[in-house]
Amino acid sequence: MDTPSTPSSLDPVGSLLDEFLSGGELGDEKVKPEQIAREVTRLQRSIDDALEQEKSAPSPLTRVVVVHFPPLYANQTPTAFSRVIEPFRPAVCVYGHLHGEKGIAAGFVGEHGGVRYVLASCDAARFAPVPLLES
C-alpha cells in the first residue's frame, strides 16, 4: 500500500470505544451493555461520515480507524467493535490504553478479518513512533 503523500489523503474515523466490552483487559470490570451500544453507534456514525466524504474525494483515501480502547483482545474473539470495523476494511486500526506487561499482553496485534490492528500505547511502543501505514 502506498503511503499517503498528504494528510488530506487519509480518511480517519474513530471513537473512544469502551473497556467494559469483555470485563476490561484483565477481566475485572463489570460489563456495561448500554455503554457498548453507545460506542458502537458512535463508531458507526464516524464510519458513515467517512464513507460520505470518500464519495466527494478527488482521489482515493486511506482508511484509518483510531480508537482509545482495544476493539479486539488477544483471544481474537470478535467483539461488537471489530464487527463494525472489519467490514469498513481500513488499512489499519490503531488503539492505545493498554499499559504494563499484563495489559499489553491482553491486546491483539496483527491481522484479523482483513484489518491490521496496532497497539500504540506509549509503553507498548517503548515511547517511539509507531509506523501505521506500510509503504
N, C-alpha and C. Protein backbone atom coordinates (compact mmCIF):
# COMPACT_ATOMS: atom_id res chain seq x y z
N MET A 1 0.85 -1.18 0.00
CA MET A 1 0.00 0.00 0.00
C MET A 1 0.89 1.23 0.00
N ASP A 2 0.52 2.22 -0.79
CA ASP A 2 1.28 3.46 -0.83
C ASP A 2 1.01 4.28 0.41
N THR A 3 2.05 4.94 0.87
CA THR A 3 1.89 5.85 1.99
C THR A 3 1.29 7.14 1.46
N PRO A 4 0.26 7.66 2.11
CA PRO A 4 -0.35 8.90 1.63
C PRO A 4 0.67 10.03 1.57
N SER A 5 0.60 10.84 0.54
CA SER A 5 1.56 11.93 0.39
C SER A 5 1.16 13.15 1.20
N THR A 6 -0.11 13.28 1.51
CA THR A 6 -0.56 14.42 2.30
C THR A 6 -1.57 13.95 3.32
N PRO A 7 -1.68 14.68 4.44
CA PRO A 7 -2.69 14.28 5.42
C PRO A 7 -4.10 14.26 4.85
N SER A 8 -4.39 15.03 3.81
CA SER A 8 -5.74 15.06 3.25
C SER A 8 -6.09 13.76 2.54
N SER A 9 -5.12 12.88 2.31
CA SER A 9 -5.42 11.61 1.66
C SER A 9 -5.81 10.54 2.67
N LEU A 10 -5.82 10.89 3.95
CA LEU A 10 -6.26 9.97 4.99
C LEU A 10 -7.74 10.13 5.24
N ASP A 11 -8.38 9.05 5.60
CA ASP A 11 -9.80 9.05 5.93
C ASP A 11 -9.95 8.48 7.34
N PRO A 12 -9.57 9.27 8.38
CA PRO A 12 -9.61 8.73 9.74
C PRO A 12 -11.02 8.70 10.31
N VAL A 13 -11.31 7.63 11.04
CA VAL A 13 -12.56 7.52 11.78
C VAL A 13 -12.21 7.08 13.18
N GLY A 14 -13.11 7.28 14.14
CA GLY A 14 -12.79 6.81 15.47
C GLY A 14 -13.86 7.07 16.50
N SER A 15 -13.62 6.52 17.65
CA SER A 15 -14.48 6.66 18.81
C SER A 15 -13.67 6.23 20.02
N LEU A 16 -14.18 6.50 21.19
CA LEU A 16 -13.50 6.10 22.42
C LEU A 16 -13.54 4.60 22.60
N LEU A 17 -14.63 3.97 22.20
CA LEU A 17 -14.97 2.57 22.50
C LEU A 17 -15.18 2.46 24.00
N ASP A 18 -15.06 1.29 24.55
CA ASP A 18 -15.31 1.15 25.98
C ASP A 18 -14.64 -0.10 26.50
N GLU A 19 -13.96 0.03 27.60
CA GLU A 19 -13.23 -1.10 28.17
C GLU A 19 -14.15 -2.14 28.80
N PHE A 20 -15.41 -1.86 28.90
CA PHE A 20 -16.33 -2.77 29.58
C PHE A 20 -16.93 -3.81 28.65
N LEU A 21 -16.38 -3.94 27.45
CA LEU A 21 -16.89 -4.89 26.49
C LEU A 21 -16.82 -6.32 27.01
N SER A 22 -15.66 -6.69 27.49
CA SER A 22 -15.48 -8.08 27.94
C SER A 22 -14.89 -8.11 29.35
N GLY A 23 -15.27 -7.16 30.15
CA GLY A 23 -14.77 -7.14 31.51
C GLY A 23 -13.43 -6.43 31.64
N GLY A 24 -13.08 -5.59 30.68
CA GLY A 24 -11.79 -4.91 30.71
C GLY A 24 -10.69 -5.85 30.28
N GLU A 25 -9.50 -5.27 30.07
CA GLU A 25 -8.42 -6.10 29.55
C GLU A 25 -8.00 -7.21 30.51
N LEU A 26 -8.25 -7.04 31.79
CA LEU A 26 -7.87 -8.06 32.76
C LEU A 26 -9.07 -8.85 33.27
N GLY A 27 -10.26 -8.56 32.70
CA GLY A 27 -11.45 -9.32 33.07
C GLY A 27 -12.02 -8.98 34.43
N ASP A 28 -11.61 -7.82 34.97
CA ASP A 28 -12.03 -7.47 36.33
C ASP A 28 -13.01 -6.30 36.38
N GLU A 29 -13.60 -5.96 35.25
CA GLU A 29 -14.56 -4.86 35.19
C GLU A 29 -15.95 -5.40 34.88
N LYS A 30 -16.96 -4.71 35.36
CA LYS A 30 -18.34 -5.10 35.08
C LYS A 30 -18.70 -4.73 33.64
N VAL A 31 -19.27 -5.67 32.90
CA VAL A 31 -19.70 -5.41 31.53
C VAL A 31 -20.91 -4.49 31.57
N LYS A 32 -20.92 -3.45 30.74
CA LYS A 32 -21.99 -2.47 30.70
C LYS A 32 -22.54 -2.37 29.28
N PRO A 33 -23.56 -3.17 28.96
CA PRO A 33 -24.09 -3.21 27.59
C PRO A 33 -24.53 -1.86 27.05
N GLU A 34 -25.07 -1.00 27.89
CA GLU A 34 -25.53 0.31 27.41
C GLU A 34 -24.36 1.17 26.92
N GLN A 35 -23.20 1.04 27.55
CA GLN A 35 -22.03 1.79 27.10
C GLN A 35 -21.48 1.20 25.80
N ILE A 36 -21.53 -0.10 25.69
CA ILE A 36 -21.08 -0.75 24.46
C ILE A 36 -21.95 -0.29 23.29
N ALA A 37 -23.26 -0.31 23.47
CA ALA A 37 -24.19 0.11 22.41
C ALA A 37 -23.94 1.56 22.01
N ARG A 38 -23.70 2.42 23.00
CA ARG A 38 -23.44 3.84 22.72
C ARG A 38 -22.18 3.98 21.86
N GLU A 39 -21.12 3.28 22.22
CA GLU A 39 -19.86 3.41 21.48
C GLU A 39 -19.93 2.76 20.10
N VAL A 40 -20.68 1.68 19.96
CA VAL A 40 -20.87 1.07 18.64
C VAL A 40 -21.58 2.08 17.73
N THR A 41 -22.58 2.76 18.25
CA THR A 41 -23.30 3.76 17.48
C THR A 41 -22.37 4.90 17.07
N ARG A 42 -21.56 5.37 18.00
CA ARG A 42 -20.62 6.46 17.68
C ARG A 42 -19.61 6.03 16.60
N LEU A 43 -19.10 4.83 16.74
CA LEU A 43 -18.14 4.33 15.76
C LEU A 43 -18.80 4.20 14.39
N GLN A 44 -20.01 3.66 14.34
CA GLN A 44 -20.71 3.51 13.07
C GLN A 44 -21.00 4.87 12.43
N ARG A 45 -21.35 5.85 13.24
CA ARG A 45 -21.59 7.20 12.69
C ARG A 45 -20.31 7.78 12.10
N SER A 46 -19.20 7.54 12.75
CA SER A 46 -17.93 8.03 12.25
C SER A 46 -17.59 7.36 10.91
N ILE A 47 -17.82 6.06 10.83
CA ILE A 47 -17.58 5.33 9.59
C ILE A 47 -18.52 5.82 8.49
N ASP A 48 -19.79 6.00 8.82
CA ASP A 48 -20.76 6.51 7.84
C ASP A 48 -20.33 7.86 7.29
N ASP A 49 -19.83 8.74 8.18
CA ASP A 49 -19.36 10.05 7.75
C ASP A 49 -18.16 9.91 6.81
N ALA A 50 -17.24 9.01 7.15
CA ALA A 50 -16.08 8.80 6.28
C ALA A 50 -16.50 8.30 4.91
N LEU A 51 -17.45 7.41 4.87
CA LEU A 51 -17.94 6.89 3.58
C LEU A 51 -18.53 8.00 2.73
N GLU A 52 -19.23 8.92 3.36
CA GLU A 52 -19.78 10.07 2.63
C GLU A 52 -18.67 10.97 2.10
N GLN A 53 -17.64 11.20 2.92
CA GLN A 53 -16.51 12.04 2.49
C GLN A 53 -15.76 11.40 1.33
N GLU A 54 -15.68 10.08 1.33
CA GLU A 54 -14.99 9.38 0.24
C GLU A 54 -15.68 9.62 -1.10
N LYS A 55 -16.99 9.76 -1.08
CA LYS A 55 -17.73 9.96 -2.32
C LYS A 55 -17.32 11.22 -3.06
N SER A 56 -16.94 12.26 -2.31
CA SER A 56 -16.58 13.52 -2.95
C SER A 56 -15.07 13.78 -2.96
N ALA A 57 -14.28 12.82 -2.53
CA ALA A 57 -12.83 13.00 -2.53
C ALA A 57 -12.29 12.98 -3.95
N PRO A 58 -11.36 13.87 -4.27
CA PRO A 58 -10.81 13.92 -5.62
C PRO A 58 -9.92 12.71 -5.96
N SER A 59 -9.44 12.02 -4.93
CA SER A 59 -8.63 10.82 -5.14
C SER A 59 -8.92 9.84 -4.00
N PRO A 60 -8.53 8.58 -4.17
CA PRO A 60 -8.81 7.59 -3.13
C PRO A 60 -8.20 7.98 -1.78
N LEU A 61 -8.91 7.66 -0.73
CA LEU A 61 -8.45 7.96 0.62
C LEU A 61 -8.02 6.68 1.32
N THR A 62 -7.07 6.80 2.23
CA THR A 62 -6.61 5.67 3.02
C THR A 62 -7.40 5.64 4.32
N ARG A 63 -8.10 4.56 4.54
CA ARG A 63 -8.95 4.43 5.74
C ARG A 63 -8.11 4.03 6.95
N VAL A 64 -8.27 4.81 8.02
CA VAL A 64 -7.59 4.54 9.28
C VAL A 64 -8.61 4.67 10.41
N VAL A 65 -8.71 3.66 11.25
CA VAL A 65 -9.58 3.72 12.43
C VAL A 65 -8.69 3.98 13.64
N VAL A 66 -9.06 4.99 14.42
CA VAL A 66 -8.30 5.37 15.61
C VAL A 66 -9.25 5.34 16.80
N VAL A 67 -8.92 4.49 17.77
CA VAL A 67 -9.75 4.35 18.96
C VAL A 67 -8.86 4.31 20.19
N HIS A 68 -9.43 4.60 21.33
CA HIS A 68 -8.65 4.58 22.56
C HIS A 68 -8.53 3.17 23.12
N PHE A 69 -9.65 2.53 23.35
CA PHE A 69 -9.66 1.18 23.93
C PHE A 69 -9.50 0.13 22.83
N PRO A 70 -8.98 -1.04 23.16
CA PRO A 70 -8.81 -2.09 22.14
C PRO A 70 -10.14 -2.60 21.62
N PRO A 71 -10.28 -2.70 20.30
CA PRO A 71 -11.51 -3.25 19.73
C PRO A 71 -11.48 -4.78 19.66
N LEU A 72 -10.32 -5.36 19.92
CA LEU A 72 -10.13 -6.81 19.83
C LEU A 72 -9.06 -7.20 20.84
N TYR A 73 -9.30 -8.29 21.54
CA TYR A 73 -8.34 -8.74 22.55
C TYR A 73 -7.54 -9.93 22.03
N ALA A 74 -6.55 -10.34 22.80
CA ALA A 74 -5.62 -11.40 22.40
C ALA A 74 -6.31 -12.72 22.06
N ASN A 75 -7.45 -12.98 22.65
CA ASN A 75 -8.16 -14.23 22.34
C ASN A 75 -8.81 -14.22 20.95
N GLN A 76 -8.78 -13.08 20.29
CA GLN A 76 -9.29 -12.88 18.93
C GLN A 76 -10.78 -13.16 18.76
N THR A 77 -11.51 -13.19 19.85
CA THR A 77 -12.96 -13.35 19.76
C THR A 77 -13.55 -12.06 19.21
N PRO A 78 -14.29 -12.11 18.11
CA PRO A 78 -14.88 -10.89 17.57
C PRO A 78 -15.71 -10.16 18.63
N THR A 79 -15.66 -8.85 18.57
CA THR A 79 -16.38 -8.01 19.52
C THR A 79 -17.41 -7.16 18.76
N ALA A 80 -18.24 -6.48 19.49
CA ALA A 80 -19.19 -5.56 18.88
C ALA A 80 -18.45 -4.52 18.04
N PHE A 81 -17.24 -4.16 18.46
CA PHE A 81 -16.47 -3.14 17.75
C PHE A 81 -15.76 -3.71 16.52
N SER A 82 -15.15 -4.87 16.65
CA SER A 82 -14.48 -5.46 15.48
C SER A 82 -15.50 -5.80 14.40
N ARG A 83 -16.72 -6.11 14.80
CA ARG A 83 -17.77 -6.41 13.81
C ARG A 83 -18.19 -5.18 13.01
N VAL A 84 -17.93 -4.00 13.54
CA VAL A 84 -18.21 -2.75 12.82
C VAL A 84 -16.98 -2.33 12.02
N ILE A 85 -15.81 -2.49 12.59
CA ILE A 85 -14.57 -2.04 11.95
C ILE A 85 -14.22 -2.89 10.74
N GLU A 86 -14.27 -4.20 10.86
CA GLU A 86 -13.78 -5.07 9.79
C GLU A 86 -14.52 -4.94 8.47
N PRO A 87 -15.84 -4.79 8.44
CA PRO A 87 -16.50 -4.58 7.14
C PRO A 87 -16.10 -3.25 6.47
N PHE A 88 -15.65 -2.27 7.23
CA PHE A 88 -15.19 -0.98 6.70
C PHE A 88 -13.87 -1.14 5.96
N ARG A 89 -13.11 -2.16 6.29
CA ARG A 89 -11.84 -2.50 5.64
C ARG A 89 -10.80 -1.38 5.70
N PRO A 90 -10.50 -0.86 6.89
CA PRO A 90 -9.45 0.16 6.96
C PRO A 90 -8.08 -0.46 6.71
N ALA A 91 -7.14 0.38 6.32
CA ALA A 91 -5.76 -0.08 6.16
C ALA A 91 -5.18 -0.49 7.51
N VAL A 92 -5.62 0.19 8.56
CA VAL A 92 -5.11 -0.09 9.90
C VAL A 92 -6.13 0.40 10.93
N CYS A 93 -6.15 -0.28 12.06
CA CYS A 93 -6.91 0.17 13.23
C CYS A 93 -5.89 0.30 14.36
N VAL A 94 -5.72 1.51 14.84
CA VAL A 94 -4.74 1.77 15.89
C VAL A 94 -5.46 2.10 17.19
N TYR A 95 -4.96 1.55 18.28
CA TYR A 95 -5.55 1.79 19.59
C TYR A 95 -4.47 1.89 20.64
N GLY A 96 -4.83 2.36 21.81
CA GLY A 96 -3.89 2.51 22.92
C GLY A 96 -4.45 1.90 24.18
N HIS A 97 -4.43 2.64 25.24
CA HIS A 97 -4.98 2.32 26.55
C HIS A 97 -4.24 1.23 27.32
N LEU A 98 -3.77 0.20 26.69
CA LEU A 98 -3.19 -0.92 27.42
C LEU A 98 -1.77 -0.60 27.88
N HIS A 99 -1.53 -0.79 29.17
CA HIS A 99 -0.24 -0.46 29.76
C HIS A 99 0.20 -1.60 30.68
N GLY A 100 1.47 -1.68 30.91
CA GLY A 100 2.01 -2.70 31.78
C GLY A 100 2.02 -4.05 31.08
N GLU A 101 2.82 -4.95 31.60
CA GLU A 101 3.00 -6.26 30.96
C GLU A 101 1.69 -7.01 30.74
N LYS A 102 0.84 -7.08 31.76
CA LYS A 102 -0.42 -7.81 31.63
C LYS A 102 -1.39 -7.12 30.69
N GLY A 103 -1.47 -5.82 30.79
CA GLY A 103 -2.38 -5.07 29.92
C GLY A 103 -1.98 -5.18 28.47
N ILE A 104 -0.70 -4.98 28.18
CA ILE A 104 -0.20 -5.06 26.81
C ILE A 104 -0.44 -6.45 26.23
N ALA A 105 -0.21 -7.48 27.02
CA ALA A 105 -0.41 -8.86 26.56
C ALA A 105 -1.87 -9.15 26.23
N ALA A 106 -2.79 -8.39 26.81
CA ALA A 106 -4.22 -8.63 26.59
C ALA A 106 -4.69 -8.13 25.23
N GLY A 107 -3.97 -7.21 24.62
CA GLY A 107 -4.40 -6.65 23.34
C GLY A 107 -4.01 -7.51 22.16
N PHE A 108 -4.80 -7.42 21.10
CA PHE A 108 -4.48 -8.14 19.87
C PHE A 108 -3.67 -7.24 18.97
N VAL A 109 -2.58 -7.77 18.45
CA VAL A 109 -1.76 -7.08 17.47
C VAL A 109 -1.57 -8.03 16.29
N GLY A 110 -1.90 -7.56 15.11
CA GLY A 110 -1.77 -8.40 13.92
C GLY A 110 -2.97 -8.21 13.03
N GLU A 111 -3.19 -9.16 12.13
CA GLU A 111 -4.31 -9.06 11.20
C GLU A 111 -5.45 -9.97 11.63
N HIS A 112 -6.64 -9.41 11.56
CA HIS A 112 -7.86 -10.16 11.87
C HIS A 112 -8.98 -9.61 11.00
N GLY A 113 -9.66 -10.49 10.31
CA GLY A 113 -10.78 -10.05 9.48
C GLY A 113 -10.40 -9.06 8.40
N GLY A 114 -9.16 -9.15 7.91
CA GLY A 114 -8.70 -8.25 6.86
C GLY A 114 -8.23 -6.90 7.35
N VAL A 115 -8.14 -6.72 8.66
CA VAL A 115 -7.71 -5.44 9.25
C VAL A 115 -6.44 -5.66 10.06
N ARG A 116 -5.49 -4.75 9.91
CA ARG A 116 -4.27 -4.80 10.72
C ARG A 116 -4.51 -3.98 11.98
N TYR A 117 -4.42 -4.62 13.14
CA TYR A 117 -4.61 -3.96 14.43
C TYR A 117 -3.24 -3.64 15.03
N VAL A 118 -3.08 -2.40 15.49
CA VAL A 118 -1.81 -1.93 16.04
C VAL A 118 -2.05 -1.32 17.41
N LEU A 119 -1.32 -1.81 18.40
CA LEU A 119 -1.34 -1.23 19.75
C LEU A 119 -0.24 -0.18 19.81
N ALA A 120 -0.61 1.05 20.12
CA ALA A 120 0.35 2.15 20.11
C ALA A 120 0.40 2.91 21.43
N SER A 121 0.08 2.23 22.55
CA SER A 121 0.23 2.92 23.83
C SER A 121 1.72 3.21 24.04
N CYS A 122 2.03 4.25 24.78
CA CYS A 122 3.43 4.69 24.91
C CYS A 122 4.36 3.59 25.39
N ASP A 123 3.98 2.89 26.44
CA ASP A 123 4.91 1.88 26.94
C ASP A 123 4.95 0.65 26.04
N ALA A 124 3.86 0.30 25.37
CA ALA A 124 3.89 -0.81 24.43
C ALA A 124 4.82 -0.48 23.26
N ALA A 125 4.86 0.79 22.86
CA ALA A 125 5.70 1.24 21.76
C ALA A 125 7.09 1.68 22.23
N ARG A 126 7.33 1.53 23.52
CA ARG A 126 8.61 1.95 24.12
C ARG A 126 8.89 3.42 23.83
N PHE A 127 7.82 4.23 23.84
CA PHE A 127 7.90 5.67 23.67
C PHE A 127 8.56 6.07 22.34
N ALA A 128 8.36 5.27 21.32
CA ALA A 128 8.89 5.54 19.99
C ALA A 128 7.72 5.66 19.02
N PRO A 129 7.93 6.38 17.91
CA PRO A 129 6.87 6.48 16.91
C PRO A 129 6.48 5.08 16.39
N VAL A 130 5.22 4.93 16.07
CA VAL A 130 4.71 3.65 15.57
C VAL A 130 4.27 3.85 14.12
N PRO A 131 4.97 3.23 13.16
CA PRO A 131 4.54 3.34 11.77
C PRO A 131 3.19 2.64 11.59
N LEU A 132 2.25 3.33 11.02
CA LEU A 132 0.91 2.77 10.86
C LEU A 132 0.64 2.27 9.46
N LEU A 133 1.21 2.92 8.48
CA LEU A 133 0.94 2.54 7.09
C LEU A 133 2.22 2.01 6.47
N GLU A 134 2.13 0.83 5.91
CA GLU A 134 3.29 0.22 5.27
C GLU A 134 3.44 0.78 3.87
N SER A 135 4.68 0.98 3.47
CA SER A 135 4.90 1.51 2.11
C SER A 135 5.31 0.42 1.17
